[in-house]
N, C-alpha and C. Protein backbone atom coordinates (compact mmCIF):
# COMPACT_ATOMS: atom_id res chain seq x y z
N UNK A 1 17.37 -4.40 23.12
CA UNK A 1 16.20 -4.14 23.86
C UNK A 1 15.04 -3.66 22.90
N UNK A 2 13.94 -4.27 23.07
CA UNK A 2 12.80 -3.94 22.16
C UNK A 2 11.97 -2.86 22.77
N UNK A 3 11.70 -1.81 21.93
CA UNK A 3 10.86 -0.76 22.40
C UNK A 3 9.66 -0.69 21.44
N UNK A 4 8.53 -1.24 21.85
CA UNK A 4 7.34 -1.25 21.00
C UNK A 4 6.28 -0.38 21.53
N UNK A 5 6.61 0.91 21.93
CA UNK A 5 5.65 1.77 22.42
C UNK A 5 4.82 2.30 21.29
N UNK A 6 3.46 2.00 21.43
CA UNK A 6 2.49 2.40 20.41
C UNK A 6 2.31 3.88 20.43
N UNK A 7 2.52 4.52 19.30
CA UNK A 7 2.43 5.94 19.19
C UNK A 7 1.02 6.32 18.67
N UNK A 8 0.49 7.39 19.19
CA UNK A 8 -0.88 7.73 18.74
C UNK A 8 -0.91 8.31 17.32
N UNK A 9 -2.08 8.22 16.76
CA UNK A 9 -2.24 8.83 15.43
C UNK A 9 -2.02 10.34 15.44
N UNK A 10 -1.51 10.86 14.45
CA UNK A 10 -1.38 12.31 14.20
C UNK A 10 -2.39 12.72 13.12
N UNK A 11 -3.16 11.84 12.75
CA UNK A 11 -4.12 12.11 11.55
C UNK A 11 -5.45 11.29 11.73
N UNK A 12 -6.12 11.70 12.79
CA UNK A 12 -7.34 10.93 13.14
C UNK A 12 -8.52 11.18 12.20
N UNK A 13 -8.30 12.21 11.31
CA UNK A 13 -9.45 12.46 10.39
C UNK A 13 -9.39 11.63 9.07
N UNK A 14 -8.14 11.21 8.82
CA UNK A 14 -7.92 10.47 7.58
C UNK A 14 -7.06 9.23 7.86
N UNK A 15 -6.28 8.72 6.82
CA UNK A 15 -5.45 7.54 6.98
C UNK A 15 -6.20 6.44 7.59
N UNK A 16 -5.54 5.52 8.31
CA UNK A 16 -6.11 4.32 8.88
C UNK A 16 -7.23 4.67 9.90
N UNK A 17 -6.88 5.54 10.83
CA UNK A 17 -7.73 5.95 11.91
C UNK A 17 -9.05 6.47 11.38
N UNK A 18 -8.95 7.46 10.55
CA UNK A 18 -10.24 8.05 10.01
C UNK A 18 -11.08 7.09 9.23
N UNK A 19 -10.37 6.14 8.51
CA UNK A 19 -11.17 5.17 7.78
C UNK A 19 -11.80 4.19 8.65
N UNK A 20 -11.21 3.67 9.67
CA UNK A 20 -11.81 2.67 10.55
C UNK A 20 -12.91 3.32 11.43
N UNK A 21 -12.81 4.64 11.60
CA UNK A 21 -13.85 5.29 12.41
C UNK A 21 -15.20 5.21 11.67
N UNK A 22 -15.23 5.20 10.40
CA UNK A 22 -16.46 5.15 9.65
C UNK A 22 -16.98 3.69 9.37
N UNK A 23 -16.30 2.74 9.97
CA UNK A 23 -16.61 1.31 9.71
C UNK A 23 -17.71 0.89 10.74
N UNK A 24 -18.87 0.53 10.30
CA UNK A 24 -19.89 0.00 11.21
C UNK A 24 -19.64 -1.47 11.66
N UNK A 25 -18.78 -2.19 11.09
CA UNK A 25 -18.53 -3.53 11.36
C UNK A 25 -17.52 -3.74 12.45
N UNK A 26 -16.80 -2.72 12.90
CA UNK A 26 -15.75 -2.90 13.85
C UNK A 26 -16.40 -3.19 15.21
N UNK A 27 -15.64 -3.95 15.99
CA UNK A 27 -16.13 -4.36 17.33
C UNK A 27 -15.34 -3.76 18.52
N UNK A 28 -14.73 -2.61 18.20
CA UNK A 28 -14.00 -1.82 19.21
C UNK A 28 -13.91 -0.35 18.74
N UNK A 29 -13.43 0.43 19.66
CA UNK A 29 -13.25 1.88 19.36
C UNK A 29 -12.17 2.07 18.42
N UNK A 30 -12.15 3.21 17.68
CA UNK A 30 -11.08 3.52 16.74
C UNK A 30 -9.69 3.55 17.45
N UNK A 31 -9.65 4.01 18.62
CA UNK A 31 -8.35 3.97 19.39
C UNK A 31 -7.88 2.59 19.72
N UNK A 32 -8.78 1.77 20.03
CA UNK A 32 -8.40 0.34 20.28
C UNK A 32 -7.97 -0.37 18.98
N UNK A 33 -8.74 -0.02 17.93
CA UNK A 33 -8.39 -0.59 16.58
C UNK A 33 -7.01 -0.16 16.14
N UNK A 34 -6.68 1.12 16.36
CA UNK A 34 -5.37 1.71 16.09
C UNK A 34 -4.25 0.97 16.92
N UNK A 35 -4.51 0.77 18.19
CA UNK A 35 -3.46 0.08 19.07
C UNK A 35 -3.31 -1.28 18.61
N UNK A 36 -4.35 -2.05 18.28
CA UNK A 36 -4.24 -3.43 17.88
C UNK A 36 -3.53 -3.50 16.56
N UNK A 37 -3.89 -2.63 15.64
CA UNK A 37 -3.18 -2.56 14.33
C UNK A 37 -1.65 -2.36 14.42
N UNK A 38 -1.36 -1.36 15.22
CA UNK A 38 0.06 -0.98 15.47
C UNK A 38 0.82 -2.19 16.06
N UNK A 39 0.20 -2.81 17.05
CA UNK A 39 0.77 -3.90 17.82
C UNK A 39 1.06 -5.14 16.81
N UNK A 40 -0.04 -5.45 16.05
CA UNK A 40 0.13 -6.61 15.15
C UNK A 40 1.09 -6.39 14.00
N UNK A 41 1.07 -5.12 13.47
CA UNK A 41 2.06 -4.75 12.43
C UNK A 41 3.53 -4.88 13.02
N UNK A 42 3.68 -4.37 14.19
CA UNK A 42 5.05 -4.41 14.89
C UNK A 42 5.50 -5.86 14.97
N UNK A 43 4.61 -6.72 15.40
CA UNK A 43 4.93 -8.15 15.53
C UNK A 43 5.28 -8.74 14.17
N UNK A 44 4.46 -8.40 13.18
CA UNK A 44 4.63 -8.93 11.84
C UNK A 44 5.94 -8.54 11.21
N UNK A 45 6.36 -7.28 11.35
CA UNK A 45 7.57 -6.89 10.73
C UNK A 45 8.77 -7.08 11.72
N UNK A 46 8.53 -7.47 12.88
CA UNK A 46 9.59 -7.69 13.94
C UNK A 46 10.24 -6.37 14.26
N UNK A 47 9.39 -5.33 14.54
CA UNK A 47 9.89 -4.04 14.93
C UNK A 47 10.64 -4.06 16.24
N UNK A 48 11.73 -3.39 16.38
CA UNK A 48 12.53 -3.46 17.60
C UNK A 48 12.71 -2.07 18.24
N UNK A 49 12.40 -0.98 17.55
CA UNK A 49 12.72 0.27 18.22
C UNK A 49 11.84 1.35 17.92
N UNK A 50 12.21 2.53 18.36
CA UNK A 50 11.38 3.72 18.16
C UNK A 50 11.23 4.12 16.69
N UNK A 51 12.30 3.95 15.92
CA UNK A 51 12.24 4.41 14.49
C UNK A 51 11.17 3.53 13.73
N UNK A 52 11.14 2.16 14.02
CA UNK A 52 10.21 1.40 13.42
C UNK A 52 8.77 1.70 13.84
N UNK A 53 8.64 2.10 15.07
CA UNK A 53 7.26 2.45 15.64
C UNK A 53 6.81 3.74 14.95
N UNK A 54 7.79 4.65 14.70
CA UNK A 54 7.42 5.92 14.03
C UNK A 54 6.99 5.55 12.64
N UNK A 55 7.71 4.63 11.99
CA UNK A 55 7.34 4.22 10.63
C UNK A 55 5.97 3.61 10.57
N UNK A 56 5.60 2.84 11.62
CA UNK A 56 4.31 2.23 11.71
C UNK A 56 3.26 3.32 11.80
N UNK A 57 3.48 4.29 12.66
CA UNK A 57 2.51 5.36 12.86
C UNK A 57 2.29 6.14 11.61
N UNK A 58 3.46 6.52 10.97
CA UNK A 58 3.44 7.34 9.77
C UNK A 58 2.81 6.61 8.62
N UNK A 59 3.07 5.28 8.56
CA UNK A 59 2.39 4.44 7.58
C UNK A 59 0.88 4.44 7.74
N UNK A 60 0.43 4.13 8.91
CA UNK A 60 -0.98 4.10 9.24
C UNK A 60 -1.65 5.52 9.04
N UNK A 61 -0.92 6.56 9.27
CA UNK A 61 -1.56 7.91 9.10
C UNK A 61 -1.57 8.40 7.61
N UNK A 62 -0.84 7.55 6.77
CA UNK A 62 -0.73 8.02 5.35
C UNK A 62 -1.88 7.53 4.46
N UNK A 63 -1.74 7.86 3.13
CA UNK A 63 -2.63 7.32 2.19
C UNK A 63 -2.62 5.81 2.13
N UNK A 64 -1.33 5.34 2.28
CA UNK A 64 -1.23 3.82 2.26
C UNK A 64 -1.96 3.17 3.44
N UNK A 65 -1.98 3.92 4.59
CA UNK A 65 -2.65 3.40 5.74
C UNK A 65 -4.18 3.35 5.47
N UNK A 66 -4.69 4.34 4.74
CA UNK A 66 -6.12 4.33 4.41
C UNK A 66 -6.34 3.13 3.50
N UNK A 67 -5.46 2.77 2.53
CA UNK A 67 -5.62 1.67 1.78
C UNK A 67 -5.62 0.34 2.54
N UNK A 68 -4.70 0.28 3.52
CA UNK A 68 -4.59 -0.83 4.38
C UNK A 68 -5.88 -0.97 5.22
N UNK A 69 -6.45 0.13 5.70
CA UNK A 69 -7.75 0.07 6.44
C UNK A 69 -8.89 -0.40 5.54
N UNK A 70 -8.81 0.07 4.29
CA UNK A 70 -9.84 -0.38 3.35
C UNK A 70 -9.91 -1.86 3.20
N UNK A 71 -8.63 -2.51 3.20
CA UNK A 71 -8.62 -3.94 3.04
C UNK A 71 -9.00 -4.65 4.32
N UNK A 72 -8.72 -4.04 5.48
CA UNK A 72 -9.15 -4.62 6.72
C UNK A 72 -10.67 -4.62 6.76
N UNK A 73 -11.29 -3.51 6.35
CA UNK A 73 -12.79 -3.44 6.29
C UNK A 73 -13.35 -4.43 5.29
N UNK A 74 -12.65 -4.51 4.10
CA UNK A 74 -13.06 -5.67 3.20
C UNK A 74 -13.09 -7.01 3.85
N UNK A 75 -12.06 -7.27 4.65
CA UNK A 75 -11.96 -8.54 5.31
C UNK A 75 -13.13 -8.75 6.30
N UNK A 76 -13.50 -7.71 6.94
CA UNK A 76 -14.66 -7.84 7.86
C UNK A 76 -15.98 -8.07 7.06
N UNK A 77 -16.09 -7.37 5.94
CA UNK A 77 -17.26 -7.54 5.09
C UNK A 77 -17.34 -8.93 4.46
N UNK A 78 -16.21 -9.51 4.30
CA UNK A 78 -16.14 -10.91 3.64
C UNK A 78 -16.22 -12.01 4.67
N UNK A 79 -16.46 -11.66 5.92
CA UNK A 79 -16.74 -12.77 6.92
C UNK A 79 -15.74 -12.95 7.97
N UNK A 80 -14.69 -12.10 8.08
CA UNK A 80 -13.77 -12.33 9.24
C UNK A 80 -14.55 -12.03 10.44
N UNK A 81 -14.35 -12.78 11.47
CA UNK A 81 -15.26 -12.72 12.68
C UNK A 81 -15.00 -11.57 13.50
N UNK A 82 -13.90 -10.92 13.54
CA UNK A 82 -13.68 -9.76 14.47
C UNK A 82 -12.53 -8.95 13.89
N UNK A 83 -12.33 -7.84 14.51
CA UNK A 83 -11.31 -6.85 14.14
C UNK A 83 -9.90 -7.48 14.16
N UNK A 84 -9.54 -8.32 15.14
CA UNK A 84 -8.27 -8.88 15.23
C UNK A 84 -8.02 -9.78 14.02
N UNK A 85 -9.03 -10.65 13.72
CA UNK A 85 -8.90 -11.62 12.63
C UNK A 85 -8.80 -10.91 11.32
N UNK A 86 -9.54 -9.82 11.13
CA UNK A 86 -9.42 -9.02 9.89
C UNK A 86 -8.09 -8.39 9.79
N UNK A 87 -7.58 -7.88 10.83
CA UNK A 87 -6.15 -7.27 10.74
C UNK A 87 -5.14 -8.37 10.47
N UNK A 88 -5.20 -9.51 11.18
CA UNK A 88 -4.28 -10.56 10.90
C UNK A 88 -4.31 -11.04 9.39
N UNK A 89 -5.57 -11.13 8.90
CA UNK A 89 -5.64 -11.54 7.48
C UNK A 89 -5.08 -10.56 6.54
N UNK A 90 -5.28 -9.27 6.84
CA UNK A 90 -4.81 -8.17 5.93
C UNK A 90 -3.27 -8.10 6.06
N UNK A 91 -2.71 -8.23 7.28
CA UNK A 91 -1.32 -8.18 7.45
C UNK A 91 -0.66 -9.30 6.68
N UNK A 92 -1.24 -10.53 6.83
CA UNK A 92 -0.71 -11.69 6.02
C UNK A 92 -0.73 -11.39 4.53
N UNK A 93 -1.85 -10.85 4.02
CA UNK A 93 -1.94 -10.54 2.63
C UNK A 93 -0.90 -9.53 2.22
N UNK A 94 -0.67 -8.48 2.98
CA UNK A 94 0.36 -7.47 2.69
C UNK A 94 1.74 -8.01 2.75
N UNK A 95 1.98 -8.99 3.70
CA UNK A 95 3.33 -9.51 3.79
C UNK A 95 3.63 -10.48 2.66
N UNK A 96 2.63 -11.13 2.06
CA UNK A 96 2.79 -12.07 0.99
C UNK A 96 2.90 -11.28 -0.36
N UNK A 97 2.41 -10.10 -0.40
CA UNK A 97 2.53 -9.14 -1.61
C UNK A 97 3.83 -8.54 -1.58
N UNK A 98 4.57 -8.57 -2.76
CA UNK A 98 5.89 -7.95 -2.83
C UNK A 98 5.74 -6.51 -3.43
N UNK A 99 6.75 -5.76 -3.13
CA UNK A 99 6.75 -4.38 -3.68
C UNK A 99 7.07 -4.57 -5.15
N UNK A 100 6.40 -3.76 -5.97
CA UNK A 100 6.48 -3.85 -7.41
C UNK A 100 7.68 -3.03 -7.99
N UNK A 101 8.05 -3.34 -9.19
CA UNK A 101 9.12 -2.56 -9.82
C UNK A 101 8.71 -1.07 -9.95
N UNK A 102 7.41 -0.85 -10.17
CA UNK A 102 6.94 0.54 -10.32
C UNK A 102 7.03 1.30 -9.02
N UNK A 103 6.82 0.62 -7.91
CA UNK A 103 6.93 1.31 -6.60
C UNK A 103 8.40 1.51 -6.25
N UNK A 104 9.26 0.55 -6.72
CA UNK A 104 10.74 0.80 -6.42
C UNK A 104 11.10 1.98 -7.26
N UNK A 105 10.65 2.10 -8.56
CA UNK A 105 11.05 3.24 -9.30
C UNK A 105 10.48 4.60 -8.80
N UNK A 106 9.32 4.56 -8.26
CA UNK A 106 8.69 5.87 -7.79
C UNK A 106 9.03 6.19 -6.33
N UNK A 107 9.31 5.21 -5.46
CA UNK A 107 9.53 5.49 -4.01
C UNK A 107 10.83 4.95 -3.59
N UNK A 108 11.56 4.19 -4.27
CA UNK A 108 12.86 3.73 -3.87
C UNK A 108 12.86 2.45 -2.99
N UNK A 109 11.65 1.89 -2.75
CA UNK A 109 11.56 0.65 -1.90
C UNK A 109 11.94 -0.47 -2.71
N UNK A 110 12.79 -1.27 -2.28
CA UNK A 110 13.35 -2.42 -3.12
C UNK A 110 12.22 -3.44 -3.58
N UNK A 111 12.27 -3.74 -4.86
CA UNK A 111 11.28 -4.55 -5.46
C UNK A 111 11.43 -5.97 -4.76
N UNK A 112 10.27 -6.57 -4.54
CA UNK A 112 10.15 -7.90 -3.91
C UNK A 112 10.16 -7.89 -2.40
N UNK A 113 10.43 -6.90 -1.76
CA UNK A 113 10.40 -6.74 -0.27
C UNK A 113 8.90 -6.89 0.08
N UNK A 114 8.59 -7.59 1.17
CA UNK A 114 7.09 -7.68 1.56
C UNK A 114 6.52 -6.29 1.73
N UNK A 115 5.36 -6.09 1.18
CA UNK A 115 4.69 -4.85 0.99
C UNK A 115 4.67 -4.09 2.31
N UNK A 116 4.24 -4.72 3.37
CA UNK A 116 4.13 -4.00 4.69
C UNK A 116 5.53 -3.58 5.21
N UNK A 117 6.42 -4.48 5.19
CA UNK A 117 7.82 -4.15 5.64
C UNK A 117 8.35 -2.96 4.78
N UNK A 118 8.11 -3.01 3.46
CA UNK A 118 8.66 -1.94 2.65
C UNK A 118 8.06 -0.63 3.02
N UNK A 119 6.76 -0.57 3.10
CA UNK A 119 6.09 0.78 3.42
C UNK A 119 6.38 1.26 4.77
N UNK A 120 6.43 0.37 5.79
CA UNK A 120 6.73 0.90 7.07
C UNK A 120 8.27 1.39 7.20
N UNK A 121 9.15 0.68 6.57
CA UNK A 121 10.54 1.08 6.37
C UNK A 121 10.63 2.44 5.69
N UNK A 122 9.89 2.55 4.61
CA UNK A 122 9.88 3.84 3.85
C UNK A 122 9.53 4.96 4.71
N UNK A 123 8.45 4.81 5.56
CA UNK A 123 7.93 5.95 6.37
C UNK A 123 8.97 6.21 7.48
N UNK A 124 9.62 5.13 7.98
CA UNK A 124 10.63 5.28 9.00
C UNK A 124 11.78 6.19 8.63
N UNK A 125 12.21 5.84 7.29
CA UNK A 125 13.33 6.51 6.74
C UNK A 125 12.97 8.00 6.49
N UNK A 126 11.73 8.22 6.06
CA UNK A 126 11.29 9.55 5.78
C UNK A 126 11.28 10.43 7.07
N UNK A 127 10.86 9.78 8.09
CA UNK A 127 10.79 10.49 9.44
C UNK A 127 12.28 10.81 9.92
N UNK A 128 13.22 9.89 9.74
CA UNK A 128 14.53 10.09 10.19
C UNK A 128 15.24 11.14 9.32
N UNK A 129 14.91 11.34 8.12
CA UNK A 129 15.47 12.31 7.22
C UNK A 129 14.65 13.63 7.18
N UNK A 130 13.63 13.67 7.92
CA UNK A 130 12.68 14.84 7.93
C UNK A 130 12.23 15.36 6.63
N UNK A 131 11.91 14.33 5.70
CA UNK A 131 11.40 14.67 4.46
C UNK A 131 9.88 14.78 4.48
């Protein structure tokens, strides 16, 4: 059974949520932007349960989530027509980018794994281990 319940941000001042809040090019509220990002990421990584949804929330709330938001905003500045298109383009870019050997050495995420899959899984594991 798939459980893709979107979890609210726990870091609305920073991370993805805080970054998109400052974006004048967005065509929706920050809360809607968050929900759309969470939904599209869940679809892209084929999330099936609560642990993965926690990983998505924690990823978006993190420094990496801020970097992800920066790239979404860059996509809007580069001509993507709306928030959804910018998110889809950024998700595609992150999924085509592989985890580097340096990231594997520093964070234990396997080299070559799609970037978004790797980081969401990393944050899901951290949440499960309470680190």
